[in-house]
């Protein structure tokens, strides 16, 4: 998939935005409304009023990127609508973009080194 890397930090705006906005307008919104730096490499995810549309904006080191997706059937699983942002892991974002329930994806377990019998 073309898009942010698997190690990306992800911030989701919980309030819907005007989906006529492009990359520059969404970057301005990140700075003005959330006090965040749109050119930091963090992926900012925005939702439309309809649950079937999403836009991502991020800086990839060479330019500002914009990705939009509309599901043909069903809708994205969104947290409750409120002001602010929530953090997702890159794995949770990938599941969200597939239209599945991202809340079922967790950060995983820390690997435990095997112990030699003593």
N, C-alpha and C. Protein backbone atom coordinates (compact mmCIF):
# COMPACT_ATOMS: atom_id res chain seq x y z
N UNK A 1 0.84 -1.18 0.00
CA UNK A 1 0.00 0.00 0.00
C UNK A 1 0.88 1.24 0.00
N UNK A 2 0.53 2.21 -0.77
CA UNK A 2 1.21 3.49 -0.75
C UNK A 2 0.65 4.26 0.43
N UNK A 3 1.52 4.77 1.26
CA UNK A 3 1.06 5.51 2.42
C UNK A 3 2.13 5.57 3.48
N UNK A 4 1.76 5.96 4.68
CA UNK A 4 2.72 6.08 5.76
C UNK A 4 3.33 4.72 6.12
N UNK A 5 4.52 4.75 6.69
CA UNK A 5 5.22 3.52 7.06
C UNK A 5 4.60 2.81 8.25
N UNK A 6 5.08 1.60 8.49
CA UNK A 6 4.53 0.78 9.56
C UNK A 6 4.95 1.25 10.94
N UNK A 7 5.89 2.18 11.01
CA UNK A 7 6.33 2.70 12.30
C UNK A 7 5.78 4.11 12.57
N UNK A 8 4.81 4.53 11.80
CA UNK A 8 4.27 5.88 11.91
C UNK A 8 3.52 6.10 13.22
N UNK A 9 3.65 7.31 13.77
CA UNK A 9 2.81 7.73 14.88
C UNK A 9 1.53 8.27 14.26
N UNK A 10 0.39 7.97 14.88
CA UNK A 10 -0.90 8.31 14.29
C UNK A 10 -1.75 9.06 15.30
N UNK A 11 -2.31 10.18 14.87
CA UNK A 11 -3.24 10.96 15.68
C UNK A 11 -4.56 11.07 14.91
N UNK A 12 -5.67 10.76 15.57
CA UNK A 12 -6.98 10.80 14.93
C UNK A 12 -7.78 11.95 15.52
N UNK A 13 -8.21 12.87 14.66
CA UNK A 13 -9.10 13.94 15.09
C UNK A 13 -10.49 13.34 15.28
N UNK A 14 -11.06 13.50 16.46
CA UNK A 14 -12.32 12.82 16.76
C UNK A 14 -13.54 13.58 16.26
N UNK A 15 -13.40 14.86 15.98
CA UNK A 15 -14.53 15.63 15.46
C UNK A 15 -14.48 15.63 13.93
N UNK A 16 -15.61 15.50 13.25
CA UNK A 16 -15.60 15.53 11.79
C UNK A 16 -15.11 16.86 11.25
N UNK A 17 -14.51 16.84 10.05
CA UNK A 17 -14.05 18.05 9.39
C UNK A 17 -14.73 18.19 8.04
N UNK A 18 -14.65 19.39 7.49
CA UNK A 18 -15.18 19.67 6.16
C UNK A 18 -14.31 18.93 5.14
N UNK A 19 -14.86 17.97 4.43
CA UNK A 19 -14.07 17.14 3.53
C UNK A 19 -13.73 17.81 2.20
N UNK A 20 -14.08 19.07 2.05
CA UNK A 20 -13.61 19.82 0.89
C UNK A 20 -12.18 20.30 1.11
N UNK A 21 -11.67 20.22 2.35
CA UNK A 21 -10.32 20.68 2.69
C UNK A 21 -9.28 19.78 2.03
N UNK A 22 -8.22 20.42 1.57
CA UNK A 22 -7.09 19.70 0.99
C UNK A 22 -5.95 19.58 2.00
N UNK A 23 -4.79 19.16 1.52
CA UNK A 23 -3.63 18.91 2.39
C UNK A 23 -3.21 20.16 3.16
N UNK A 24 -3.10 21.31 2.48
CA UNK A 24 -2.66 22.53 3.16
C UNK A 24 -3.65 22.99 4.22
N UNK A 25 -4.94 22.92 3.91
CA UNK A 25 -5.96 23.33 4.87
C UNK A 25 -5.99 22.39 6.08
N UNK A 26 -5.81 21.10 5.86
CA UNK A 26 -5.78 20.16 6.98
C UNK A 26 -4.53 20.36 7.83
N UNK A 27 -3.39 20.65 7.20
CA UNK A 27 -2.16 20.94 7.94
C UNK A 27 -2.34 22.19 8.81
N UNK A 28 -2.99 23.20 8.26
CA UNK A 28 -3.27 24.41 9.03
C UNK A 28 -4.18 24.09 10.21
N UNK A 29 -5.16 23.22 10.01
CA UNK A 29 -6.06 22.81 11.07
C UNK A 29 -5.31 22.07 12.19
N UNK A 30 -4.36 21.23 11.81
CA UNK A 30 -3.54 20.51 12.80
C UNK A 30 -2.85 21.50 13.72
N UNK A 31 -2.27 22.55 13.14
CA UNK A 31 -1.54 23.55 13.92
C UNK A 31 -2.49 24.42 14.74
N UNK A 32 -3.54 24.94 14.11
CA UNK A 32 -4.43 25.90 14.77
C UNK A 32 -5.33 25.26 15.82
N UNK A 33 -5.94 24.13 15.51
CA UNK A 33 -6.93 23.55 16.41
C UNK A 33 -6.33 22.60 17.43
N UNK A 34 -5.26 21.89 17.04
CA UNK A 34 -4.71 20.88 17.93
C UNK A 34 -3.34 21.26 18.49
N UNK A 35 -2.78 22.38 18.04
CA UNK A 35 -1.49 22.83 18.54
C UNK A 35 -0.35 21.88 18.23
N UNK A 36 -0.49 21.09 17.19
CA UNK A 36 0.52 20.11 16.82
C UNK A 36 1.29 20.60 15.59
N UNK A 37 2.41 19.96 15.32
CA UNK A 37 3.26 20.32 14.19
C UNK A 37 2.95 19.41 13.00
N UNK A 38 2.32 19.95 11.95
CA UNK A 38 1.92 19.11 10.82
C UNK A 38 3.08 18.57 10.00
N UNK A 39 4.29 19.13 10.19
CA UNK A 39 5.45 18.70 9.40
C UNK A 39 6.41 17.87 10.24
N UNK A 40 5.89 17.17 11.23
CA UNK A 40 6.71 16.37 12.14
C UNK A 40 6.84 14.92 11.71
N UNK A 41 6.07 14.49 10.73
CA UNK A 41 6.08 13.10 10.31
C UNK A 41 4.94 12.29 10.91
N UNK A 42 4.22 12.88 11.88
CA UNK A 42 3.06 12.21 12.46
C UNK A 42 1.94 12.18 11.42
N UNK A 43 1.20 11.09 11.37
CA UNK A 43 0.07 10.95 10.45
C UNK A 43 -1.17 11.46 11.17
N UNK A 44 -1.86 12.42 10.57
CA UNK A 44 -3.09 12.97 11.14
C UNK A 44 -4.27 12.43 10.33
N UNK A 45 -5.22 11.82 11.03
CA UNK A 45 -6.37 11.18 10.40
C UNK A 45 -7.61 12.03 10.68
N UNK A 46 -8.37 12.29 9.63
CA UNK A 46 -9.58 13.09 9.74
C UNK A 46 -10.77 12.30 9.22
N UNK A 47 -11.90 12.52 9.83
CA UNK A 47 -13.13 11.84 9.43
C UNK A 47 -14.12 12.84 8.87
N UNK A 48 -15.01 12.34 8.04
CA UNK A 48 -16.11 13.15 7.53
C UNK A 48 -17.32 12.92 8.42
N UNK A 49 -18.38 13.68 8.18
CA UNK A 49 -19.61 13.44 8.94
C UNK A 49 -20.18 12.07 8.64
N UNK A 50 -20.02 11.62 7.39
CA UNK A 50 -20.44 10.26 7.03
C UNK A 50 -19.31 9.33 7.44
N UNK A 51 -19.65 8.22 8.03
CA UNK A 51 -18.66 7.29 8.58
C UNK A 51 -17.88 6.53 7.51
N UNK A 52 -18.17 6.74 6.23
CA UNK A 52 -17.52 5.95 5.19
C UNK A 52 -16.32 6.64 4.54
N UNK A 53 -15.92 7.81 5.06
CA UNK A 53 -14.82 8.56 4.44
C UNK A 53 -13.76 8.95 5.46
N UNK A 54 -12.49 8.93 5.01
CA UNK A 54 -11.36 9.27 5.86
C UNK A 54 -10.30 9.97 5.01
N UNK A 55 -9.57 10.90 5.62
CA UNK A 55 -8.42 11.55 4.98
C UNK A 55 -7.24 11.50 5.94
N UNK A 56 -6.06 11.26 5.39
CA UNK A 56 -4.82 11.26 6.15
C UNK A 56 -3.91 12.32 5.57
N UNK A 57 -3.23 13.05 6.43
CA UNK A 57 -2.24 14.02 5.97
C UNK A 57 -0.98 13.82 6.81
N UNK A 58 0.19 13.83 6.12
CA UNK A 58 1.45 13.67 6.82
C UNK A 58 2.59 14.22 5.97
N UNK A 59 3.69 14.54 6.63
CA UNK A 59 4.90 15.01 5.97
C UNK A 59 5.83 13.81 5.85
N UNK A 60 6.28 13.48 4.63
CA UNK A 60 7.13 12.30 4.45
C UNK A 60 8.62 12.64 4.35
N UNK A 61 8.95 13.90 4.62
CA UNK A 61 10.35 14.33 4.54
C UNK A 61 10.65 15.09 3.26
N UNK A 62 9.82 14.90 2.24
CA UNK A 62 10.02 15.62 0.98
C UNK A 62 8.81 16.45 0.58
N UNK A 63 7.66 16.16 1.16
CA UNK A 63 6.46 16.91 0.82
C UNK A 63 5.29 16.50 1.69
N UNK A 64 4.25 17.29 1.60
CA UNK A 64 3.02 17.03 2.36
C UNK A 64 2.16 16.05 1.57
N UNK A 65 1.79 14.95 2.20
CA UNK A 65 1.02 13.90 1.54
C UNK A 65 -0.43 13.92 2.00
N UNK A 66 -1.33 13.60 1.10
CA UNK A 66 -2.75 13.50 1.40
C UNK A 66 -3.27 12.20 0.83
N UNK A 67 -3.96 11.44 1.66
CA UNK A 67 -4.59 10.21 1.21
C UNK A 67 -6.05 10.28 1.60
N UNK A 68 -6.91 9.89 0.70
CA UNK A 68 -8.35 9.86 0.99
C UNK A 68 -8.88 8.47 0.64
N UNK A 69 -9.85 8.02 1.44
CA UNK A 69 -10.47 6.73 1.16
C UNK A 69 -11.95 6.81 1.48
N UNK A 70 -12.74 6.19 0.60
CA UNK A 70 -14.18 6.05 0.82
C UNK A 70 -14.51 4.58 0.70
N UNK A 71 -15.15 4.04 1.72
CA UNK A 71 -15.56 2.64 1.66
C UNK A 71 -16.80 2.51 0.79
N UNK A 72 -16.86 1.50 -0.03
CA UNK A 72 -18.01 1.27 -0.89
C UNK A 72 -19.17 0.68 -0.11
N UNK A 73 -18.87 -0.10 0.92
CA UNK A 73 -19.92 -0.68 1.76
C UNK A 73 -19.53 -0.52 3.22
N UNK A 74 -20.49 -0.25 4.06
CA UNK A 74 -20.22 -0.13 5.49
C UNK A 74 -19.57 1.20 5.83
N UNK A 75 -18.95 1.25 6.98
CA UNK A 75 -18.31 2.48 7.43
C UNK A 75 -17.12 2.17 8.32
N UNK A 76 -16.30 3.18 8.52
CA UNK A 76 -15.16 3.06 9.41
C UNK A 76 -15.66 3.01 10.85
N UNK A 77 -14.94 2.33 11.71
CA UNK A 77 -15.26 2.28 13.14
C UNK A 77 -14.58 3.47 13.81
N UNK A 78 -15.37 4.42 14.26
CA UNK A 78 -14.83 5.64 14.87
C UNK A 78 -15.11 5.66 16.36
N UNK A 79 -14.21 6.29 17.10
CA UNK A 79 -14.52 6.51 18.52
C UNK A 79 -15.67 7.51 18.62
N UNK A 80 -16.22 7.68 19.80
CA UNK A 80 -17.29 8.66 19.98
C UNK A 80 -16.85 10.04 19.52
N UNK A 81 -17.78 10.79 18.93
CA UNK A 81 -17.47 12.12 18.43
C UNK A 81 -17.33 13.06 19.63
N UNK A 82 -16.14 13.66 19.73
CA UNK A 82 -15.85 14.65 20.75
C UNK A 82 -14.68 15.48 20.27
N UNK A 83 -14.44 16.61 20.91
CA UNK A 83 -13.30 17.42 20.51
C UNK A 83 -12.01 16.77 21.00
N UNK A 84 -10.97 16.89 20.22
CA UNK A 84 -9.68 16.37 20.62
C UNK A 84 -9.17 15.32 19.66
N UNK A 85 -8.13 14.62 20.10
CA UNK A 85 -7.51 13.59 19.28
C UNK A 85 -7.28 12.34 20.11
N UNK A 86 -7.13 11.23 19.43
CA UNK A 86 -6.72 9.99 20.07
C UNK A 86 -5.52 9.46 19.32
N UNK A 87 -4.73 8.65 19.98
CA UNK A 87 -3.55 8.05 19.36
C UNK A 87 -3.86 6.62 18.95
N UNK A 88 -3.38 6.25 17.78
CA UNK A 88 -3.47 4.87 17.31
C UNK A 88 -2.07 4.39 16.96
N UNK A 89 -1.87 3.10 17.04
CA UNK A 89 -0.63 2.53 16.53
C UNK A 89 -0.76 2.43 15.00
N UNK A 90 0.36 2.23 14.34
CA UNK A 90 0.32 2.05 12.88
C UNK A 90 -0.52 0.83 12.52
N UNK A 91 -0.44 -0.23 13.34
CA UNK A 91 -1.24 -1.44 13.08
C UNK A 91 -2.74 -1.14 13.21
N UNK A 92 -3.11 -0.37 14.23
CA UNK A 92 -4.52 0.00 14.40
C UNK A 92 -4.99 0.85 13.23
N UNK A 93 -4.14 1.76 12.74
CA UNK A 93 -4.52 2.59 11.59
C UNK A 93 -4.74 1.72 10.36
N UNK A 94 -3.88 0.73 10.15
CA UNK A 94 -4.04 -0.16 9.00
C UNK A 94 -5.37 -0.90 9.07
N UNK A 95 -5.74 -1.35 10.26
CA UNK A 95 -7.01 -2.05 10.43
C UNK A 95 -8.17 -1.08 10.21
N UNK A 96 -8.06 0.14 10.73
CA UNK A 96 -9.08 1.17 10.52
C UNK A 96 -9.31 1.39 9.03
N UNK A 97 -8.22 1.52 8.26
CA UNK A 97 -8.33 1.79 6.83
C UNK A 97 -8.93 0.62 6.06
N UNK A 98 -8.89 -0.57 6.63
CA UNK A 98 -9.54 -1.73 6.02
C UNK A 98 -11.03 -1.77 6.32
N UNK A 99 -11.49 -0.89 7.21
CA UNK A 99 -12.90 -0.86 7.58
C UNK A 99 -13.23 -1.80 8.72
N UNK A 100 -12.22 -2.42 9.33
CA UNK A 100 -12.43 -3.35 10.44
C UNK A 100 -12.39 -2.59 11.77
N UNK A 101 -12.64 -3.30 12.86
CA UNK A 101 -12.66 -2.68 14.19
C UNK A 101 -11.25 -2.58 14.75
N UNK A 102 -10.65 -1.41 14.67
CA UNK A 102 -9.28 -1.17 15.10
C UNK A 102 -9.11 -1.33 16.61
N UNK A 103 -10.20 -1.28 17.36
CA UNK A 103 -10.11 -1.38 18.83
C UNK A 103 -9.70 -2.79 19.27
N UNK A 104 -9.79 -3.76 18.37
CA UNK A 104 -9.41 -5.14 18.71
C UNK A 104 -7.92 -5.40 18.51
N UNK A 105 -7.19 -4.42 17.97
CA UNK A 105 -5.76 -4.57 17.74
C UNK A 105 -5.02 -3.93 18.91
N UNK A 106 -4.10 -4.65 19.49
CA UNK A 106 -3.34 -4.11 20.61
C UNK A 106 -1.87 -4.03 20.23
N UNK A 107 -1.10 -3.47 21.10
CA UNK A 107 0.32 -3.24 20.82
C UNK A 107 1.17 -4.49 20.78
N UNK A 108 0.62 -5.61 21.13
CA UNK A 108 1.40 -6.85 21.11
C UNK A 108 2.09 -7.08 22.44
N UNK A 109 2.72 -8.20 22.53
CA UNK A 109 3.43 -8.56 23.76
C UNK A 109 4.92 -8.33 23.56
N UNK A 110 5.61 -8.03 24.64
CA UNK A 110 7.06 -7.91 24.58
C UNK A 110 7.64 -9.31 24.50
N UNK A 111 8.61 -9.52 23.62
CA UNK A 111 9.20 -10.85 23.52
C UNK A 111 9.97 -11.20 24.80
N UNK A 112 9.90 -12.43 25.17
CA UNK A 112 10.61 -12.92 26.34
C UNK A 112 11.66 -13.91 25.84
N UNK A 113 12.91 -13.67 26.22
CA UNK A 113 14.00 -14.56 25.79
C UNK A 113 13.85 -15.90 26.49
N UNK A 114 14.08 -16.98 25.75
CA UNK A 114 13.98 -18.30 26.39
C UNK A 114 15.11 -18.49 27.39
N UNK A 115 14.84 -19.24 28.41
CA UNK A 115 15.83 -19.53 29.46
C UNK A 115 16.40 -20.93 29.23
N UNK A 116 17.70 -21.03 29.33
CA UNK A 116 18.35 -22.34 29.22
C UNK A 116 18.13 -23.12 30.51
N UNK A 117 17.87 -24.41 30.38
CA UNK A 117 17.69 -25.20 31.61
C UNK A 117 18.99 -25.19 32.42
N UNK A 118 18.86 -25.03 33.69
CA UNK A 118 20.02 -24.87 34.54
C UNK A 118 20.35 -26.02 35.31
